[in-house]
Amino acid sequence: MVGLEKLMRGLEPASYLELQRVLGEISGLIVGAKVLRLYHMDDGSIILKLRSDSFSGELRIVPGLFFYLVHDGYEKPVKLSQAGKVMRSLIEGMKISGASLVEGERILIIELEGRQKLKLICEFLPKGTIVILDEAGRILACLQRLEMRDRRIAPGEQYILPPRRPAPSLETLKETLKRQHAPEKKIVSILASEAGLGGRYAEEILQLAGIDRSRKIGELSADEVSRILEVAREGFEVVNNGQPVV
């Protein structure tokens, strides 16, 4: 997949929109595929070796960063970690029945069916991890135990999602720009954080709209706001309807 290896090498976390676009491209390949093997790589990522009637390849999931699909394979570690052994024992031989993103969050949910119904939760948040849940939402295994203010990731705990927020969209962006903001607040910060576009998308939209990223919201004219919305509209169309690059 074009650019994904470069993204991983640069250690830049994917935005929600990037995850959404990639999932839209690969979901038709991975849903219905059987998990032949799970590997825990030395860099902390996991690889699912998948096979279906129409596809054979590997899904690599890098906690806190990204996921991508390849048709060939990677050299695997000789020894599997203890966490990897537990995860492999739980999902090996199961079939992927669904894959979706949590709305507004960089969290991928892979649904698995076989001996039982399980969920593989892949978090691409700053403290990234991968978790396996039973049907009741209880954590059976995780790559890393995490302790946060509002939730705890550890075997035996009930899995709790972060507080929900709306997914980035043109409507969300319009509403964000209509709100009252401190005049000195930078437009790039508003687009990246409040509108949920992430830093890269926010900067690209401003560049295409011909607006310097250092500009403050109070300095923008109605015409400049309209240009931002038009560029964003075109961007959302590409994310939702663009041609696959897999």
Protein backbone atom coordinates (compact mmCIF):
# COMPACT_ATOMS: atom_id res chain seq x y z
CA MET A 1 0.00 0.00 0.00
CA VAL A 2 1.49 3.30 -1.10
CA GLY A 3 2.94 5.41 1.70
CA LEU A 4 2.09 3.16 4.64
CA GLU A 5 5.59 1.80 5.18
CA LYS A 6 6.87 5.39 5.10
CA LEU A 7 4.26 6.38 7.68
CA MET A 8 5.38 3.58 9.97
CA ARG A 9 9.06 4.45 9.60
CA GLY A 10 8.30 8.06 10.49
CA LEU A 11 6.46 6.91 13.63
CA GLU A 12 3.57 9.28 13.00
CA PRO A 13 0.22 8.08 14.37
CA ALA A 14 -2.56 7.83 11.80
CA SER A 15 -5.54 10.15 12.07
CA TYR A 16 -9.12 8.89 12.32
CA LEU A 17 -9.70 9.82 8.67
CA GLU A 18 -6.63 7.88 7.52
CA LEU A 19 -7.74 4.81 9.46
CA GLN A 20 -11.24 5.17 8.02
CA ARG A 21 -9.93 5.36 4.47
CA VAL A 22 -7.66 2.32 4.83
CA LEU A 23 -10.34 0.23 6.54
CA GLY A 24 -12.73 1.05 3.70
CA GLU A 25 -10.15 -0.30 1.26
CA ILE A 26 -9.29 -3.55 3.03
CA SER A 27 -12.48 -4.60 4.83
CA GLY A 28 -13.73 -6.50 1.79
CA LEU A 29 -10.55 -8.59 1.87
CA ILE A 30 -10.26 -9.33 5.57
CA VAL A 31 -13.93 -9.92 6.47
CA GLY A 32 -14.59 -13.61 5.94
CA ALA A 33 -10.90 -14.53 6.15
CA LYS A 34 -9.60 -17.12 8.59
CA VAL A 35 -6.84 -16.27 11.09
CA LEU A 36 -4.22 -18.93 10.41
CA ARG A 37 -1.59 -17.57 12.77
CA LEU A 38 -0.79 -14.66 15.07
CA TYR A 39 2.73 -13.31 15.52
CA HIS A 40 4.02 -10.78 18.06
CA MET A 41 6.83 -8.82 16.40
CA ASP A 42 9.91 -7.37 18.07
CA ASP A 43 8.65 -3.81 17.45
CA GLY A 44 5.49 -4.50 19.50
CA SER A 45 3.17 -4.94 16.54
CA ILE A 46 1.16 -8.08 15.81
CA ILE A 47 0.64 -9.81 12.49
CA LEU A 48 -2.44 -11.83 11.60
CA LYS A 49 -1.80 -14.33 8.83
CA LEU A 50 -5.10 -14.48 6.94
CA ARG A 51 -6.60 -16.66 4.23
CA SER A 52 -9.93 -16.79 2.45
CA ASP A 53 -11.15 -18.13 -0.90
CA SER A 54 -10.08 -14.88 -2.59
CA PHE A 55 -7.23 -13.56 -0.44
CA SER A 56 -4.05 -14.66 1.29
CA GLY A 57 -1.85 -12.18 3.14
CA GLU A 58 -0.96 -10.54 6.43
CA LEU A 59 -2.61 -7.80 8.46
CA ARG A 60 -0.04 -5.90 10.50
CA ILE A 61 -1.35 -3.90 13.47
CA VAL A 62 0.99 -1.39 15.12
CA PRO A 63 -0.51 -0.17 18.43
CA GLY A 64 -0.58 3.61 18.69
CA LEU A 65 0.26 4.05 15.00
CA PHE A 66 -1.46 2.27 12.13
CA PHE A 67 -2.57 -0.96 10.46
CA TYR A 68 -2.02 -2.20 6.93
CA LEU A 69 -2.42 -5.24 4.73
CA VAL A 70 0.23 -6.93 2.60
CA HIS A 71 -0.04 -9.80 0.13
CA ASP A 72 3.38 -11.21 0.97
CA GLY A 73 4.93 -11.69 4.40
CA TYR A 74 7.54 -10.59 6.93
CA GLU A 75 10.35 -12.43 8.64
CA LYS A 76 8.99 -13.51 12.03
CA PRO A 77 10.73 -13.78 15.40
CA VAL A 78 11.91 -17.28 16.28
CA LYS A 79 10.32 -17.13 19.73
CA LEU A 80 6.78 -15.95 20.48
CA SER A 81 6.26 -13.72 23.53
CA GLN A 82 4.03 -14.86 26.38
CA ALA A 83 1.39 -12.27 25.46
CA GLY A 84 1.58 -13.47 21.86
CA LYS A 85 1.11 -17.10 22.94
CA VAL A 86 -2.03 -16.23 24.89
CA MET A 87 -3.48 -14.23 22.01
CA ARG A 88 -2.61 -16.90 19.46
CA SER A 89 -4.35 -19.58 21.53
CA LEU A 90 -7.51 -17.47 21.66
CA ILE A 91 -7.97 -16.43 18.03
CA GLU A 92 -6.06 -18.92 15.88
CA GLY A 93 -8.44 -20.67 13.48
CA MET A 94 -11.23 -18.13 13.96
CA LYS A 95 -12.92 -16.21 11.14
CA ILE A 96 -13.18 -12.43 10.88
CA SER A 97 -16.89 -11.60 10.75
CA GLY A 98 -16.64 -7.81 10.89
CA ALA A 99 -14.32 -4.83 11.17
CA SER A 100 -15.21 -1.27 12.14
CA LEU A 101 -13.85 1.89 13.74
CA VAL A 102 -15.31 3.33 16.92
CA GLU A 103 -16.98 6.56 15.81
CA GLY A 104 -14.62 9.48 16.27
CA GLU A 105 -11.89 7.33 17.86
CA ARG A 106 -8.70 5.73 16.56
CA ILE A 107 -9.86 2.31 17.72
CA LEU A 108 -10.39 -0.64 15.38
CA ILE A 109 -12.75 -3.46 16.38
CA ILE A 110 -12.29 -6.80 14.62
CA GLU A 111 -15.10 -9.28 15.31
CA LEU A 112 -14.17 -12.97 15.37
CA GLU A 113 -16.31 -16.10 15.19
CA GLY A 114 -15.47 -19.75 15.73
CA ARG A 115 -15.33 -21.65 18.98
CA GLN A 116 -16.89 -18.54 20.52
CA LYS A 117 -17.43 -14.90 19.61
CA LEU A 118 -14.53 -12.60 20.44
CA LYS A 119 -13.44 -9.06 19.66
CA LEU A 120 -9.91 -7.93 18.86
CA ILE A 121 -9.62 -4.28 19.92
CA CYS A 122 -6.74 -2.33 18.38
CA GLU A 123 -6.08 1.08 19.92
CA PHE A 124 -4.10 3.64 17.91
CA LEU A 125 -4.21 6.20 20.72
CA PRO A 126 -1.02 7.63 22.33
CA LYS A 127 -0.93 4.69 24.78
CA GLY A 128 -1.64 2.08 22.14
CA THR A 129 -2.42 -1.54 22.90
CA ILE A 130 -4.27 -4.57 21.53
CA VAL A 131 -6.93 -6.35 23.54
CA ILE A 132 -9.04 -9.49 23.14
CA LEU A 133 -12.55 -9.43 24.65
CA ASP A 134 -15.13 -12.13 25.30
CA GLU A 135 -18.82 -11.70 24.42
CA ALA A 136 -19.46 -9.88 27.70
CA GLY A 137 -16.73 -7.31 26.98
CA ARG A 138 -14.33 -8.76 29.55
CA ILE A 139 -10.61 -8.56 28.74
CA LEU A 140 -9.13 -12.02 28.12
CA ALA A 141 -5.69 -10.84 26.97
CA CYS A 142 -3.81 -7.65 26.17
CA LEU A 143 -0.37 -6.73 24.86
CA GLN A 144 0.21 -4.10 27.55
CA ARG A 145 -1.51 -3.44 30.84
CA LEU A 146 -2.52 0.22 31.03
CA GLU A 147 -3.76 2.33 33.92
CA MET A 148 -5.56 5.55 32.99
CA ARG A 149 -7.67 8.06 34.84
CA ASP A 150 -10.99 6.70 33.59
CA ARG A 151 -10.22 3.11 32.56
CA ARG A 152 -7.93 0.15 33.22
CA ILE A 153 -6.66 -2.31 30.61
CA ALA A 154 -5.79 -5.68 32.18
CA PRO A 155 -7.00 -9.30 31.94
CA GLY A 156 -10.22 -9.81 33.89
CA GLU A 157 -11.23 -6.14 33.67
CA GLN A 158 -14.30 -4.94 31.80
CA TYR A 159 -13.20 -3.08 28.67
CA ILE A 160 -14.28 0.57 28.65
CA LEU A 161 -14.03 2.83 25.62
CA PRO A 162 -12.68 6.38 25.98
CA PRO A 163 -15.35 9.11 26.22
CA ARG A 164 -17.14 9.33 22.87
CA ARG A 165 -16.70 12.24 20.50
CA PRO A 166 -18.23 12.86 17.05
CA ALA A 167 -16.39 11.58 14.00
CA PRO A 168 -14.78 14.23 11.78
CA SER A 169 -17.19 15.33 9.05
CA LEU A 170 -18.05 18.40 7.01
CA GLU A 171 -21.01 19.10 9.30
CA THR A 172 -18.83 18.84 12.39
CA LEU A 173 -16.35 21.24 10.80
CA LYS A 174 -19.08 23.74 9.93
CA GLU A 175 -20.42 23.66 13.48
CA THR A 176 -16.91 24.06 14.90
CA LEU A 177 -16.20 27.13 12.76
CA LYS A 178 -19.55 28.70 13.73
CA ARG A 179 -18.74 28.55 17.44
CA GLN A 180 -17.37 31.49 19.36
CA HIS A 181 -13.61 31.14 19.71
CA ALA A 182 -10.97 33.29 21.33
CA PRO A 183 -9.88 35.58 18.44
CA GLU A 184 -6.19 34.81 19.04
CA LYS A 185 -6.64 31.04 18.70
CA LYS A 186 -4.87 29.61 15.65
CA ILE A 187 -7.09 28.15 12.95
CA VAL A 188 -4.80 25.10 12.57
CA SER A 189 -5.39 24.21 16.23
CA ILE A 190 -9.16 24.54 15.84
CA LEU A 191 -9.19 22.29 12.77
CA ALA A 192 -6.82 19.71 14.25
CA SER A 193 -8.28 19.38 17.76
CA GLU A 194 -11.81 20.76 17.95
CA ALA A 195 -12.90 19.57 14.49
CA GLY A 196 -10.99 16.30 14.99
CA LEU A 197 -9.08 16.46 11.70
CA GLY A 198 -5.63 15.85 13.16
CA GLY A 199 -2.53 17.92 12.48
CA ARG A 200 -1.63 16.64 9.01
CA TYR A 201 -5.14 17.05 7.56
CA ALA A 202 -5.56 20.47 9.17
CA GLU A 203 -2.30 21.74 7.68
CA GLU A 204 -3.05 20.27 4.26
CA ILE A 205 -6.52 21.86 4.15
CA LEU A 206 -5.09 25.26 5.03
CA GLN A 207 -2.32 24.93 2.45
CA LEU A 208 -4.79 24.02 -0.31
CA ALA A 209 -7.06 26.87 0.76
CA GLY A 210 -4.13 29.30 0.55
CA ILE A 211 -4.21 30.20 4.25
CA ASP A 212 -1.09 30.36 6.42
CA ARG A 213 -1.20 27.89 9.32
CA SER A 214 -0.15 30.62 11.75
CA ARG A 215 -3.29 32.68 11.08
CA LYS A 216 -5.67 33.26 13.97
CA ILE A 217 -9.39 32.50 13.75
CA GLY A 218 -10.26 36.15 14.42
CA GLU A 219 -8.28 37.25 11.34
CA LEU A 220 -10.16 35.12 8.82
CA SER A 221 -12.64 36.62 6.39
CA ALA A 222 -15.92 34.94 5.39
CA ASP A 223 -14.35 34.14 2.02
CA GLU A 224 -11.40 32.38 3.67
CA VAL A 225 -13.73 30.31 5.87
CA SER A 226 -15.67 29.33 2.72
CA ARG A 227 -12.43 28.24 1.05
CA ILE A 228 -11.56 26.07 4.06
CA LEU A 229 -14.98 24.39 3.90
CA GLU A 230 -14.75 23.79 0.15
CA VAL A 231 -11.30 22.18 0.40
CA ALA A 232 -12.49 20.08 3.35
CA ARG A 233 -15.58 18.97 1.39
CA GLU A 234 -13.37 17.70 -1.43
CA GLY A 235 -11.15 15.93 1.11
CA PHE A 236 -14.06 14.14 2.77
CA GLU A 237 -15.27 13.00 -0.66
CA VAL A 238 -11.87 11.42 -1.32
CA VAL A 239 -11.89 9.67 2.08
CA ASN A 240 -15.42 8.35 1.62
CA ASN A 241 -15.51 7.66 -2.12
CA GLY A 242 -11.92 7.71 -3.41
CA GLN A 243 -10.41 4.93 -5.48
CA PRO A 244 -8.58 2.20 -3.53
CA VAL A 245 -4.77 2.23 -3.58
CA VAL A 246 -4.24 -1.28 -2.14
